[in-house]
Each structure stands twice: as C-alpha cells, then as structure tokens.
Amino acid sequence: MRNAHLKFVAVAVVIAFVINLLVVETAQAQFSMGLKVAGNTVNYKKLTERDFGLEAGVFLRMGSRFFFQPEANYSFKRSTFLEQYVGYSSNGTLRQHFLSVPVLLGYHFIDNDNFKFRLTIGPRFDFKISDNMDDSDWSASSLQWGGQVGVGVDLWRFTLDANYCIAAANFRNMIEGTTQTKQMNMFIVSLGFKIVK
C-alpha cells in the first residue's frame, strides 16, 4: 500500500512539474485535438511470442515549439504464453483490454503550418478493463505503467507517429497463486487526424 501511495505522489509531482514548465508556453499556445488509430506489437519478455493488437483514441496538443500532449486510448493487447518446465508446459493466449493514458512532453524540431516533425517522451499508464484467457493460467495486473518515447510528423491535419514503450507488468498465476513481474516491450505505429488544428 505504501508503494502505491509513493507511486501516486511521484506521478502527481511529475504532472505538476510539466504543467508548470509549460505555463508560459501555453499562454501563447497553439491548441489541437484529434482522433487516432494504431497498431501495436507486444512482447512480454521470457513469457511470450510477439503478437499484435489495436488502439484507438483521442489526443490533445497544447504549446508550440515545446508542447504537452495527453492522450486517452482504448488498447487491445494479445500475448501468447509459451511456458515450459520439466514435465509441464503451459501454452495459451491472453487477450487484454486497457484504457491507456500517455502523458507526453514534446519538442517540434520543425514547426511549420502544414508540416511538423517532433520528438515526444513521457510516462504511460494502462488501466485494465478486462482480460480473457485462452488455455492460459495467467492474469495481468490492473495497472501497468512505464515510459514511452517516439517520433512523429504532421502533414496538414494528418499525424503519423512511431512510439516505443517499456513497462513492468505483474502477472498472477490463477492456479498456483504466484505473481511474477515481467518486462513489457511495445512498439506502436499510429495514424491520426486533427479535428481542431
């Protein structure tokens, strides 16, 4: 419980710092809002093969050269478990549904009216909505969080981004009652459209 409180305080401090950093920038800020769809590929280290999923959501972008970009995405992830022990093997698929909230800070290296090139970095929080197990004994933790870094371009109202995410996910064995923490690597490519430019 104490660790959960410390994590919450750390996240709040980071968000407050980012908002404070961008106060002057956003006073003369550009503002945009849009929709996005994405494909992701997930790999839980040492437990799974690489599988594919989908994301869809909304994003806000506030600022000009420096900007703040929070997002809210529905995320579907699929992971194939291939565990093998002496005299025992467990093969199955875990399908997970999340509300994903990246909180990103970015910088435009090119910031023209109809063309932009940017770098983004920040924390990402995945809140589990549900998971469905197919011949798998494992269930994912309700909250996964880590970091996300990416590059992107805007062409008129269209956006194209490539992001890499690293996080730690806790998995609980439903039969044995044990919990293991595994590194999650995820690569995301998204296409978006700015409703408000």
Foldseek 3Di string as FASTA:
>chain_A
DVVVVVVVVVVVVVVVVVCVVCPVQQVPKDKWKWKKKKKKWKDWPPFFDIDIWIKIWMWMWIGAQKIKIKIWIWIKDKTWGWDDDVVDTFTWMKIWIWTKIWTKIKGWPDGDQFKTKMKIKGKMKTATPDMDIGRGQKDKDRIKMFMKIWIWMGGHFKIKIKMKTKIWIWMARNPVRDIDITIMIMIMIMMMGIPGD
